[in-house]
Each structure stands twice: as C-alpha cells, then as structure tokens.
Amino acid sequence: FQRPEPGLLHSRWWRRPLGADSAELVVDPNALEGAEVFYRL
C-alpha cells in the first residue's frame, strides 16, 4: 500500500503481513536520482 505522507514529493510503498499493523518500507521513489524533477512508476 501507499499512504499520505505530507512533505514528500512521491508516495512511498509499504507492506505489512496480513492481519498485522506494523509496516516496513518497500520502495521510496524520493531516493531515486532524478525523481526530484520527474518520476513515474
């Protein structure tokens, strides 16, 4: 899933085990070189 995160240019991808609340980061597009100018998945 993605979730609203104010202050970021692009929403990050997260995941969690089924039925769990805790989530781990999967992909942060903001960390990709060049994504501050343009980014598309």
PDB file of all heavy atoms in Angstrom:
ATOM      1  N   PHE A   1       0.825  -1.203   0.000  1.00  0.00           N
ATOM      2  CA  PHE A   1       0.000   0.000   0.000  1.00  0.00           C
ATOM      3  C   PHE A   1       0.860   1.254   0.000  1.00  0.00           C
ATOM      4  O   PHE A   1       2.062   1.218   0.290  1.00  0.00           O
ATOM      5  CB  PHE A   1      -0.924   0.008   1.222  1.00  0.00           C
ATOM      6  CG  PHE A   1      -0.196   0.015   2.551  1.00  0.00           C
ATOM      7  CD1 PHE A   1       0.052   1.209   3.211  1.00  0.00           C
ATOM      8  CD2 PHE A   1       0.256  -1.168   3.129  1.00  0.00           C
ATOM      9  CE1 PHE A   1       0.729   1.229   4.427  1.00  0.00           C
ATOM     10  CE2 PHE A   1       0.921  -1.169   4.341  1.00  0.00           C
ATOM     11  CZ  PHE A   1       1.164   0.037   4.990  1.00  0.00           C
ATOM     12  N   GLN A   2       0.224   2.361  -0.327  1.00  0.00           N
ATOM     13  CA  GLN A   2       0.788   3.692  -0.142  1.00  0.00           C
ATOM     14  C   GLN A   2      -0.089   4.437   0.841  1.00  0.00           C
ATOM     15  O   GLN A   2      -1.273   4.119   1.001  1.00  0.00           O
ATOM     16  CB  GLN A   2       0.846   4.445  -1.478  1.00  0.00           C
ATOM     17  CG  GLN A   2       1.819   3.854  -2.478  1.00  0.00           C
ATOM     18  CD  GLN A   2       1.766   4.561  -3.817  1.00  0.00           C
ATOM     19  OE1 GLN A   2       0.749   4.503  -4.512  1.00  0.00           O
ATOM     20  NE2 GLN A   2       2.848   5.231  -4.192  1.00  0.00           N
ATOM     21  N   ARG A   3       0.476   5.431   1.507  1.00  0.00           N
ATOM     22  CA  ARG A   3      -0.301   6.213   2.455  1.00  0.00           C
ATOM     23  C   ARG A   3       0.144   7.670   2.387  1.00  0.00           C
ATOM     24  O   ARG A   3       1.283   7.964   1.992  1.00  0.00           O
ATOM     25  CB  ARG A   3      -0.120   5.678   3.871  1.00  0.00           C
ATOM     26  CG  ARG A   3       1.311   5.669   4.375  1.00  0.00           C
ATOM     27  CD  ARG A   3       1.408   4.900   5.687  1.00  0.00           C
ATOM     28  NE  ARG A   3       2.767   4.849   6.219  1.00  0.00           N
ATOM     29  CZ  ARG A   3       3.140   4.036   7.208  1.00  0.00           C
ATOM     30  NH1 ARG A   3       2.250   3.218   7.752  1.00  0.00           N
ATOM     31  NH2 ARG A   3       4.379   4.049   7.649  1.00  0.00           N
ATOM     32  N   PRO A   4      -0.742   8.594   2.729  1.00  0.00           N
ATOM     33  CA  PRO A   4      -0.379  10.018   2.681  1.00  0.00           C
ATOM     34  C   PRO A   4       0.775  10.317   3.632  1.00  0.00           C
ATOM     35  O   PRO A   4       0.751   9.931   4.804  1.00  0.00           O
ATOM     36  CB  PRO A   4      -1.663  10.721   3.130  1.00  0.00           C
ATOM     37  CG  PRO A   4      -2.760   9.728   2.909  1.00  0.00           C
ATOM     38  CD  PRO A   4      -2.148   8.391   3.135  1.00  0.00           C
ATOM     39  N   GLU A   5       1.780  10.991   3.126  1.00  0.00           N
ATOM     40  CA  GLU A   5       2.936  11.392   3.937  1.00  0.00           C
ATOM     41  C   GLU A   5       3.299  12.821   3.551  1.00  0.00           C
ATOM     42  O   GLU A   5       4.055  13.031   2.599  1.00  0.00           O
ATOM     43  CB  GLU A   5       4.110  10.443   3.706  1.00  0.00           C
ATOM     44  CG  GLU A   5       3.832   9.009   4.147  1.00  0.00           C
ATOM     45  CD  GLU A   5       5.023   8.090   3.934  1.00  0.00           C
ATOM     46  OE1 GLU A   5       5.859   7.991   4.853  1.00  0.00           O
ATOM     47  OE2 GLU A   5       5.127   7.493   2.857  1.00  0.00           O
ATOM     48  N   PRO A   6       2.739  13.796   4.242  1.00  0.00           N
ATOM     49  CA  PRO A   6       2.992  15.200   3.905  1.00  0.00           C
ATOM     50  C   PRO A   6       4.487  15.503   3.880  1.00  0.00           C
ATOM     51  O   PRO A   6       5.274  14.981   4.681  1.00  0.00           O
ATOM     52  CB  PRO A   6       2.290  15.961   5.041  1.00  0.00           C
ATOM     53  CG  PRO A   6       1.235  15.013   5.537  1.00  0.00           C
ATOM     54  CD  PRO A   6       1.834  13.644   5.400  1.00  0.00           C
ATOM     55  N   GLY A   7       4.854  16.339   2.916  1.00  0.00           N
ATOM     56  CA  GLY A   7       6.245  16.754   2.808  1.00  0.00           C
ATOM     57  C   GLY A   7       7.056  15.966   1.804  1.00  0.00           C
ATOM     58  O   GLY A   7       8.174  16.374   1.457  1.00  0.00           O
ATOM     59  N   LEU A   8       6.522  14.839   1.321  1.00  0.00           N
ATOM     60  CA  LEU A   8       7.232  14.035   0.329  1.00  0.00           C
ATOM     61  C   LEU A   8       6.705  14.343  -1.065  1.00  0.00           C
ATOM     62  O   LEU A   8       5.503  14.535  -1.260  1.00  0.00           O
ATOM     63  CB  LEU A   8       7.067  12.544   0.618  1.00  0.00           C
ATOM     64  CG  LEU A   8       7.684  12.019   1.919  1.00  0.00           C
ATOM     65  CD1 LEU A   8       7.411  10.517   2.045  1.00  0.00           C
ATOM     66  CD2 LEU A   8       9.187  12.291   1.957  1.00  0.00           C
ATOM     67  N   LEU A   9       7.602  14.359  -2.041  1.00  0.00           N
ATOM     68  CA  LEU A   9       7.172  14.582  -3.411  1.00  0.00           C
ATOM     69  C   LEU A   9       6.369  13.406  -3.945  1.00  0.00           C
ATOM     70  O   LEU A   9       5.408  13.571  -4.691  1.00  0.00           O
ATOM     71  CB  LEU A   9       8.392  14.815  -4.315  1.00  0.00           C
ATOM     72  CG  LEU A   9       9.197  16.099  -4.089  1.00  0.00           C
ATOM     73  CD1 LEU A   9      10.404  16.138  -5.020  1.00  0.00           C
ATOM     74  CD2 LEU A   9       8.313  17.323  -4.311  1.00  0.00           C
ATOM     75  N   HIS A  10       6.773  12.183  -3.578  1.00  0.00           N
ATOM     76  CA  HIS A  10       6.144  10.975  -4.104  1.00  0.00           C
ATOM     77  C   HIS A  10       5.791  10.037  -2.954  1.00  0.00           C
ATOM     78  O   HIS A  10       6.586   9.870  -2.010  1.00  0.00           O
ATOM     79  CB  HIS A  10       7.083  10.250  -5.070  1.00  0.00           C
ATOM     80  CG  HIS A  10       7.695  11.145  -6.102  1.00  0.00           C
ATOM     81  ND1 HIS A  10       6.959  11.705  -7.121  1.00  0.00           N
ATOM     82  CD2 HIS A  10       8.973  11.591  -6.262  1.00  0.00           C
ATOM     83  CE1 HIS A  10       7.757  12.446  -7.873  1.00  0.00           C
ATOM     84  NE2 HIS A  10       8.980  12.398  -7.368  1.00  0.00           N
ATOM     85  N   SER A  11       4.630   9.412  -3.052  1.00  0.00           N
ATOM     86  CA  SER A  11       4.215   8.464  -2.017  1.00  0.00           C
ATOM     87  C   SER A  11       5.125   7.237  -2.027  1.00  0.00           C
ATOM     88  O   SER A  11       5.471   6.710  -3.084  1.00  0.00           O
ATOM     89  CB  SER A  11       2.767   8.026  -2.255  1.00  0.00           C
ATOM     90  OG  SER A  11       1.884   9.118  -2.138  1.00  0.00           O
ATOM     91  N   ARG A  12       5.471   6.771  -0.825  1.00  0.00           N
ATOM     92  CA  ARG A  12       6.315   5.591  -0.708  1.00  0.00           C
ATOM     93  C   ARG A  12       5.463   4.321  -0.670  1.00  0.00           C
ATOM     94  O   ARG A  12       4.290   4.358  -0.322  1.00  0.00           O
ATOM     95  CB  ARG A  12       7.172   5.692   0.561  1.00  0.00           C
ATOM     96  CG  ARG A  12       8.121   6.885   0.545  1.00  0.00           C
ATOM     97  CD  ARG A  12       9.045   6.900   1.736  1.00  0.00           C
ATOM     98  NE  ARG A  12       8.335   7.189   2.981  1.00  0.00           N
ATOM     99  CZ  ARG A  12       8.928   7.279   4.179  1.00  0.00           C
ATOM    100  NH1 ARG A  12      10.240   7.095   4.273  1.00  0.00           N
ATOM    101  NH2 ARG A  12       8.227   7.563   5.253  1.00  0.00           N
ATOM    102  N   TRP A  13       6.093   3.198  -1.034  1.00  0.00           N
ATOM    103  CA  TRP A  13       5.426   1.900  -0.974  1.00  0.00           C
ATOM    104  C   TRP A  13       5.801   1.173   0.308  1.00  0.00           C
ATOM    105  O   TRP A  13       6.981   1.076   0.658  1.00  0.00           O
ATOM    106  CB  TRP A  13       5.801   1.044  -2.188  1.00  0.00           C
ATOM    107  CG  TRP A  13       5.004   1.410  -3.415  1.00  0.00           C
ATOM    108  CD1 TRP A  13       5.403   2.199  -4.452  1.00  0.00           C
ATOM    109  CD2 TRP A  13       3.662   1.011  -3.694  1.00  0.00           C
ATOM    110  NE1 TRP A  13       4.397   2.330  -5.374  1.00  0.00           N
ATOM    111  CE2 TRP A  13       3.311   1.602  -4.937  1.00  0.00           C
ATOM    112  CE3 TRP A  13       2.730   0.224  -3.034  1.00  0.00           C
ATOM    113  CZ2 TRP A  13       2.058   1.416  -5.518  1.00  0.00           C
ATOM    114  CZ3 TRP A  13       1.490   0.042  -3.622  1.00  0.00           C
ATOM    115  CH2 TRP A  13       1.161   0.625  -4.848  1.00  0.00           C
ATOM    116  N   TRP A  14       4.767   0.660   0.983  1.00  0.00           N
ATOM    117  CA  TRP A  14       4.933  -0.066   2.230  1.00  0.00           C
ATOM    118  C   TRP A  14       4.281  -1.443   2.108  1.00  0.00           C
ATOM    119  O   TRP A  14       3.492  -1.691   1.193  1.00  0.00           O
ATOM    120  CB  TRP A  14       4.267   0.684   3.383  1.00  0.00           C
ATOM    121  CG  TRP A  14       4.833   2.050   3.627  1.00  0.00           C
ATOM    122  CD1 TRP A  14       4.550   3.196   2.947  1.00  0.00           C
ATOM    123  CD2 TRP A  14       5.792   2.405   4.621  1.00  0.00           C
ATOM    124  NE1 TRP A  14       5.263   4.254   3.449  1.00  0.00           N
ATOM    125  CE2 TRP A  14       6.036   3.799   4.485  1.00  0.00           C
ATOM    126  CE3 TRP A  14       6.467   1.698   5.617  1.00  0.00           C
ATOM    127  CZ2 TRP A  14       6.927   4.479   5.303  1.00  0.00           C
ATOM    128  CZ3 TRP A  14       7.343   2.391   6.440  1.00  0.00           C
ATOM    129  CH2 TRP A  14       7.572   3.755   6.281  1.00  0.00           C
ATOM    130  N   ARG A  15       4.580  -2.296   3.074  1.00  0.00           N
ATOM    131  CA  ARG A  15       3.861  -3.565   3.150  1.00  0.00           C
ATOM    132  C   ARG A  15       3.753  -3.988   4.608  1.00  0.00           C
ATOM    133  O   ARG A  15       4.531  -3.549   5.461  1.00  0.00           O
ATOM    134  CB  ARG A  15       4.558  -4.658   2.336  1.00  0.00           C
ATOM    135  CG  ARG A  15       5.794  -5.259   2.992  1.00  0.00           C
ATOM    136  CD  ARG A  15       6.343  -6.400   2.164  1.00  0.00           C
ATOM    137  NE  ARG A  15       7.424  -7.095   2.848  1.00  0.00           N
ATOM    138  CZ  ARG A  15       8.140  -8.078   2.317  1.00  0.00           C
ATOM    139  NH1 ARG A  15       7.889  -8.471   1.071  1.00  0.00           N
ATOM    140  NH2 ARG A  15       9.098  -8.666   3.000  1.00  0.00           N
ATOM    141  N   ARG A  16       2.794  -4.866   4.848  1.00  0.00           N
ATOM    142  CA  ARG A  16       2.627  -5.441   6.178  1.00  0.00           C
ATOM    143  C   ARG A  16       2.091  -6.862   6.010  1.00  0.00           C
ATOM    144  O   ARG A  16       1.356  -7.152   5.051  1.00  0.00           O
ATOM    145  CB  ARG A  16       1.674  -4.613   7.031  1.00  0.00           C
ATOM    146  CG  ARG A  16       0.295  -4.414   6.406  1.00  0.00           C
ATOM    147  CD  ARG A  16      -0.622  -3.550   7.272  1.00  0.00           C
ATOM    148  NE  ARG A  16      -1.840  -3.203   6.534  1.00  0.00           N
ATOM    149  CZ  ARG A  16      -2.188  -1.971   6.211  1.00  0.00           C
ATOM    150  NH1 ARG A  16      -1.437  -0.946   6.554  1.00  0.00           N
ATOM    151  NH2 ARG A  16      -3.308  -1.750   5.534  1.00  0.00           N
ATOM    152  N   PRO A  17       2.427  -7.764   6.937  1.00  0.00           N
ATOM    153  CA  PRO A  17       1.851  -9.108   6.883  1.00  0.00           C
ATOM    154  C   PRO A  17       0.338  -9.035   7.043  1.00  0.00           C
ATOM    155  O   PRO A  17      -0.191  -8.124   7.689  1.00  0.00           O
ATOM    156  CB  PRO A  17       2.507  -9.829   8.062  1.00  0.00           C
ATOM    157  CG  PRO A  17       3.744  -9.037   8.374  1.00  0.00           C
ATOM    158  CD  PRO A  17       3.400  -7.617   8.039  1.00  0.00           C
ATOM    159  N   LEU A  18      -0.349  -9.959   6.453  1.00  0.00           N
ATOM    160  CA  LEU A  18      -1.804  -9.980   6.559  1.00  0.00           C
ATOM    161  C   LEU A  18      -2.225 -10.020   8.023  1.00  0.00           C
ATOM    162  O   LEU A  18      -1.713 -10.826   8.810  1.00  0.00           O
ATOM    163  CB  LEU A  18      -2.373 -11.197   5.828  1.00  0.00           C
ATOM    164  CG  LEU A  18      -2.154 -11.238   4.308  1.00  0.00           C
ATOM    165  CD1 LEU A  18      -2.730 -12.527   3.737  1.00  0.00           C
ATOM    166  CD2 LEU A  18      -2.793 -10.033   3.642  1.00  0.00           C
ATOM    167  N   GLY A  19      -3.145  -9.139   8.383  1.00  0.00           N
ATOM    168  CA  GLY A  19      -3.646  -9.095   9.754  1.00  0.00           C
ATOM    169  C   GLY A  19      -2.775  -8.349  10.725  1.00  0.00           C
ATOM    170  O   GLY A  19      -3.126  -8.233  11.903  1.00  0.00           O
ATOM    171  N   ALA A  20      -1.627  -7.819  10.267  1.00  0.00           N
ATOM    172  CA  ALA A  20      -0.713  -7.108  11.168  1.00  0.00           C
ATOM    173  C   ALA A  20      -0.862  -5.605  11.000  1.00  0.00           C
ATOM    174  O   ALA A  20      -1.399  -5.116  10.008  1.00  0.00           O
ATOM    175  CB  ALA A  20       0.726  -7.528  10.895  1.00  0.00           C
ATOM    176  N   ASP A  21      -0.381  -4.854  11.986  1.00  0.00           N
ATOM    177  CA  ASP A  21      -0.425  -3.396  11.932  1.00  0.00           C
ATOM    178  C   ASP A  21       0.913  -2.786  11.537  1.00  0.00           C
ATOM    179  O   ASP A  21       0.957  -1.738  10.895  1.00  0.00           O
ATOM    180  CB  ASP A  21      -0.854  -2.827  13.292  1.00  0.00           C
ATOM    181  CG  ASP A  21      -2.291  -3.198  13.635  1.00  0.00           C
ATOM    182  OD1 ASP A  21      -3.106  -3.292  12.697  1.00  0.00           O
ATOM    183  OD2 ASP A  21      -2.585  -3.406  14.830  1.00  0.00           O
ATOM    184  N   SER A  22       2.001  -3.413  11.965  1.00  0.00           N
ATOM    185  CA  SER A  22       3.325  -2.848  11.691  1.00  0.00           C
ATOM    186  C   SER A  22       3.666  -3.007  10.217  1.00  0.00           C
ATOM    187  O   SER A  22       3.361  -4.023   9.594  1.00  0.00           O
ATOM    188  CB  SER A  22       4.385  -3.540  12.547  1.00  0.00           C
ATOM    189  OG  SER A  22       4.418  -4.923  12.264  1.00  0.00           O
ATOM    190  N   ALA A  23       4.294  -1.969   9.655  1.00  0.00           N
ATOM    191  CA  ALA A  23       4.615  -1.966   8.232  1.00  0.00           C
ATOM    192  C   ALA A  23       6.103  -1.726   8.027  1.00  0.00           C
ATOM    193  O   ALA A  23       6.774  -1.105   8.862  1.00  0.00           O
ATOM    194  CB  ALA A  23       3.803  -0.898   7.514  1.00  0.00           C
ATOM    195  N   GLU A  24       6.621  -2.223   6.908  1.00  0.00           N
ATOM    196  CA  GLU A  24       8.013  -1.970   6.540  1.00  0.00           C
ATOM    197  C   GLU A  24       8.056  -1.286   5.179  1.00  0.00           C
ATOM    198  O   GLU A  24       7.195  -1.513   4.314  1.00  0.00           O
ATOM    199  CB  GLU A  24       8.825  -3.263   6.509  1.00  0.00           C
ATOM    200  CG  GLU A  24       8.398  -4.267   5.458  1.00  0.00           C
ATOM    201  CD  GLU A  24       9.308  -5.476   5.407  1.00  0.00           C
ATOM    202  OE1 GLU A  24      10.526  -5.313   5.602  1.00  0.00           O
ATOM    203  OE2 GLU A  24       8.798  -6.592   5.175  1.00  0.00           O
ATOM    204  N   LEU A  25       9.059  -0.460   4.988  1.00  0.00           N
ATOM    205  CA  LEU A  25       9.225   0.270   3.749  1.00  0.00           C
ATOM    206  C   LEU A  25       9.692  -0.677   2.648  1.00  0.00           C
ATOM    207  O   LEU A  25      10.596  -1.487   2.854  1.00  0.00           O
ATOM    208  CB  LEU A  25      10.236   1.404   3.935  1.00  0.00           C
ATOM    209  CG  LEU A  25      10.497   2.304   2.724  1.00  0.00           C
ATOM    210  CD1 LEU A  25       9.243   3.084   2.359  1.00  0.00           C
ATOM    211  CD2 LEU A  25      11.657   3.258   3.024  1.00  0.00           C
ATOM    212  N   VAL A  26       9.070  -0.539   1.476  1.00  0.00           N
ATOM    213  CA  VAL A  26       9.465  -1.362   0.333  1.00  0.00           C
ATOM    214  C   VAL A  26      10.276  -0.535  -0.664  1.00  0.00           C
ATOM    215  O   VAL A  26      11.414  -0.858  -0.973  1.00  0.00           O
ATOM    216  CB  VAL A  26       8.222  -1.967  -0.355  1.00  0.00           C
ATOM    217  CG1 VAL A  26       8.638  -2.820  -1.555  1.00  0.00           C
ATOM    218  CG2 VAL A  26       7.409  -2.788   0.621  1.00  0.00           C
ATOM    219  N   VAL A  27       9.688   0.538  -1.178  1.00  0.00           N
ATOM    220  CA  VAL A  27      10.355   1.386  -2.169  1.00  0.00           C
ATOM    221  C   VAL A  27      10.058   2.842  -1.848  1.00  0.00           C
ATOM    222  O   VAL A  27       8.899   3.216  -1.642  1.00  0.00           O
ATOM    223  CB  VAL A  27       9.887   1.071  -3.605  1.00  0.00           C
ATOM    224  CG1 VAL A  27      10.492   2.069  -4.593  1.00  0.00           C
ATOM    225  CG2 VAL A  27      10.259  -0.347  -4.003  1.00  0.00           C
ATOM    226  N   ASP A  28      11.106   3.645  -1.818  1.00  0.00           N
ATOM    227  CA  ASP A  28      10.968   5.088  -1.634  1.00  0.00           C
ATOM    228  C   ASP A  28      11.390   5.777  -2.930  1.00  0.00           C
ATOM    229  O   ASP A  28      12.583   5.936  -3.198  1.00  0.00           O
ATOM    230  CB  ASP A  28      11.846   5.568  -0.482  1.00  0.00           C
ATOM    231  CG  ASP A  28      11.721   7.079  -0.260  1.00  0.00           C
ATOM    232  OD1 ASP A  28      10.878   7.718  -0.928  1.00  0.00           O
ATOM    233  OD2 ASP A  28      12.468   7.614   0.586  1.00  0.00           O
ATOM    234  N   PRO A  29      10.435   6.187  -3.767  1.00  0.00           N
ATOM    235  CA  PRO A  29      10.808   6.844  -5.025  1.00  0.00           C
ATOM    236  C   PRO A  29      11.617   8.113  -4.819  1.00  0.00           C
ATOM    237  O   PRO A  29      12.398   8.504  -5.702  1.00  0.00           O
ATOM    238  CB  PRO A  29       9.450   7.161  -5.669  1.00  0.00           C
ATOM    239  CG  PRO A  29       8.475   6.250  -5.007  1.00  0.00           C
ATOM    240  CD  PRO A  29       8.986   6.074  -3.613  1.00  0.00           C
ATOM    241  N   ASN A  30      11.441   8.759  -3.678  1.00  0.00           N
ATOM    242  CA  ASN A  30      12.150  10.008  -3.425  1.00  0.00           C
ATOM    243  C   ASN A  30      13.658   9.807  -3.344  1.00  0.00           C
ATOM    244  O   ASN A  30      14.415  10.768  -3.497  1.00  0.00           O
ATOM    245  CB  ASN A  30      11.643  10.635  -2.126  1.00  0.00           C
ATOM    246  CG  ASN A  30      10.143  10.847  -2.144  1.00  0.00           C
ATOM    247  OD1 ASN A  30       9.651  11.790  -2.724  1.00  0.00           O
ATOM    248  ND2 ASN A  30       9.403   9.931  -1.509  1.00  0.00           N
ATOM    249  N   ALA A  31      14.096   8.583  -3.108  1.00  0.00           N
ATOM    250  CA  ALA A  31      15.523   8.296  -3.007  1.00  0.00           C
ATOM    251  C   ALA A  31      16.170   8.042  -4.364  1.00  0.00           C
ATOM    252  O   ALA A  31      17.397   7.905  -4.450  1.00  0.00           O
ATOM    253  CB  ALA A  31      15.748   7.090  -2.103  1.00  0.00           C
ATOM    254  N   LEU A  32      15.373   7.962  -5.416  1.00  0.00           N
ATOM    255  CA  LEU A  32      15.914   7.699  -6.747  1.00  0.00           C
ATOM    256  C   LEU A  32      16.516   8.967  -7.328  1.00  0.00           C
ATOM    257  O   LEU A  32      15.908  10.044  -7.266  1.00  0.00           O
ATOM    258  CB  LEU A  32      14.818   7.179  -7.673  1.00  0.00           C
ATOM    259  CG  LEU A  32      14.152   5.864  -7.275  1.00  0.00           C
ATOM    260  CD1 LEU A  32      12.969   5.574  -8.191  1.00  0.00           C
ATOM    261  CD2 LEU A  32      15.158   4.716  -7.330  1.00  0.00           C
ATOM    262  N   GLU A  33      17.674   8.855  -7.904  1.00  0.00           N
ATOM    263  CA  GLU A  33      18.315  10.007  -8.513  1.00  0.00           C
ATOM    264  C   GLU A  33      17.479  10.517  -9.678  1.00  0.00           C
ATOM    265  O   GLU A  33      17.111   9.762 -10.577  1.00  0.00           O
ATOM    266  CB  GLU A  33      19.714   9.629  -9.012  1.00  0.00           C
ATOM    267  CG  GLU A  33      20.492  10.790  -9.595  1.00  0.00           C
ATOM    268  CD  GLU A  33      21.886  10.404 -10.046  1.00  0.00           C
ATOM    269  OE1 GLU A  33      22.264   9.223  -9.858  1.00  0.00           O
ATOM    270  OE2 GLU A  33      22.585  11.270 -10.603  1.00  0.00           O
ATOM    271  N   GLY A  34      17.156  11.789  -9.650  1.00  0.00           N
ATOM    272  CA  GLY A  34      16.363  12.395 -10.705  1.00  0.00           C
ATOM    273  C   GLY A  34      14.893  12.498 -10.381  1.00  0.00           C
ATOM    274  O   GLY A  34      14.158  13.228 -11.059  1.00  0.00           O
ATOM    275  N   ALA A  35      14.421  11.777  -9.362  1.00  0.00           N
ATOM    276  CA  ALA A  35      12.989  11.772  -9.054  1.00  0.00           C
ATOM    277  C   ALA A  35      12.506  13.111  -8.519  1.00  0.00           C
ATOM    278  O   ALA A  35      11.294  13.360  -8.512  1.00  0.00           O
ATOM    279  CB  ALA A  35      12.672  10.664  -8.047  1.00  0.00           C
ATOM    280  N   GLU A  36      13.427  13.966  -8.085  1.00  0.00           N
ATOM    281  CA  GLU A  36      13.002  15.290  -7.631  1.00  0.00           C
ATOM    282  C   GLU A  36      12.512  16.144  -8.802  1.00  0.00           C
ATOM    283  O   GLU A  36      11.765  17.106  -8.615  1.00  0.00           O
ATOM    284  CB  GLU A  36      14.149  15.998  -6.898  1.00  0.00           C
ATOM    285  CG  GLU A  36      15.307  16.447  -7.772  1.00  0.00           C
ATOM    286  CD  GLU A  36      16.294  15.336  -8.113  1.00  0.00           C
ATOM    287  OE1 GLU A  36      16.044  14.172  -7.729  1.00  0.00           O
ATOM    288  OE2 GLU A  36      17.317  15.642  -8.763  1.00  0.00           O
ATOM    289  N   VAL A  37      12.923  15.773 -10.021  1.00  0.00           N
ATOM    290  CA  VAL A  37      12.496  16.503 -11.220  1.00  0.00           C
ATOM    291  C   VAL A  37      11.310  15.812 -11.876  1.00  0.00           C
ATOM    292  O   VAL A  37      10.316  16.442 -12.231  1.00  0.00           O
ATOM    293  CB  VAL A  37      13.663  16.618 -12.225  1.00  0.00           C
ATOM    294  CG1 VAL A  37      13.194  17.315 -13.508  1.00  0.00           C
ATOM    295  CG2 VAL A  37      14.823  17.362 -11.599  1.00  0.00           C
ATOM    296  N   PHE A  38      11.414  14.502 -12.058  1.00  0.00           N
ATOM    297  CA  PHE A  38      10.347  13.741 -12.701  1.00  0.00           C
ATOM    298  C   PHE A  38      10.416  12.299 -12.206  1.00  0.00           C
ATOM    299  O   PHE A  38      11.498  11.744 -12.011  1.00  0.00           O
ATOM    300  CB  PHE A  38      10.502  13.763 -14.232  1.00  0.00           C
ATOM    301  CG  PHE A  38       9.424  13.001 -14.959  1.00  0.00           C
ATOM    302  CD1 PHE A  38       8.232  13.614 -15.300  1.00  0.00           C
ATOM    303  CD2 PHE A  38       9.601  11.659 -15.290  1.00  0.00           C
ATOM    304  CE1 PHE A  38       7.236  12.914 -15.964  1.00  0.00           C
ATOM    305  CE2 PHE A  38       8.608  10.950 -15.953  1.00  0.00           C
ATOM    306  CZ  PHE A  38       7.423  11.582 -16.287  1.00  0.00           C
ATOM    307  N   TYR A  39       9.227  11.693 -12.034  1.00  0.00           N
ATOM    308  CA  TYR A  39       9.176  10.284 -11.645  1.00  0.00           C
ATOM    309  C   TYR A  39       7.853   9.689 -12.087  1.00  0.00           C
ATOM    310  O   TYR A  39       6.790  10.295 -11.911  1.00  0.00           O
ATOM    311  CB  TYR A  39       9.305  10.122 -10.121  1.00  0.00           C
ATOM    312  CG  TYR A  39       8.870   8.759  -9.634  1.00  0.00           C
ATOM    313  CD1 TYR A  39       9.714   7.653  -9.766  1.00  0.00           C
ATOM    314  CD2 TYR A  39       7.612   8.567  -9.065  1.00  0.00           C
ATOM    315  CE1 TYR A  39       9.306   6.391  -9.332  1.00  0.00           C
ATOM    316  CE2 TYR A  39       7.197   7.319  -8.631  1.00  0.00           C
ATOM    317  CZ  TYR A  39       8.052   6.236  -8.766  1.00  0.00           C
ATOM    318  OH  TYR A  39       7.642   4.996  -8.347  1.00  0.00           O
ATOM    319  N   ARG A  40       7.936   8.512 -12.679  1.00  0.00           N
ATOM    320  CA  ARG A  40       6.730   7.751 -12.989  1.00  0.00           C
ATOM    321  C   ARG A  40       7.036   6.267 -12.816  1.00  0.00           C
ATOM    322  O   ARG A  40       8.074   5.773 -13.257  1.00  0.00           O
ATOM    323  CB  ARG A  40       6.233   8.060 -14.394  1.00  0.00           C
ATOM    324  CG  ARG A  40       4.902   7.404 -14.730  1.00  0.00           C
ATOM    325  CD  ARG A  40       4.114   8.231 -15.710  1.00  0.00           C
ATOM    326  NE  ARG A  40       3.602   9.463 -15.092  1.00  0.00           N
ATOM    327  CZ  ARG A  40       3.528  10.627 -15.711  1.00  0.00           C
ATOM    328  NH1 ARG A  40       3.938  10.751 -16.938  1.00  0.00           N
ATOM    329  NH2 ARG A  40       3.040  11.687 -15.087  1.00  0.00           N
ATOM    330  N   LEU A  41       6.113   5.572 -12.156  1.00  0.00           N
ATOM    331  CA  LEU A  41       6.263   4.137 -11.920  1.00  0.00           C
ATOM    332  C   LEU A  41       5.903   3.362 -13.175  1.00  0.00           C
ATOM    333  O   LEU A  41       4.959   3.708 -13.886  1.00  0.00           O
ATOM    334  CB  LEU A  41       5.350   3.719 -10.764  1.00  0.00           C
ATOM    335  CG  LEU A  41       5.390   2.251 -10.332  1.00  0.00           C
ATOM    336  CD1 LEU A  41       6.716   1.918  -9.672  1.00  0.00           C
ATOM    337  CD2 LEU A  41       4.226   1.945  -9.381  1.00  0.00           C
TER     338      LEU A  41
END
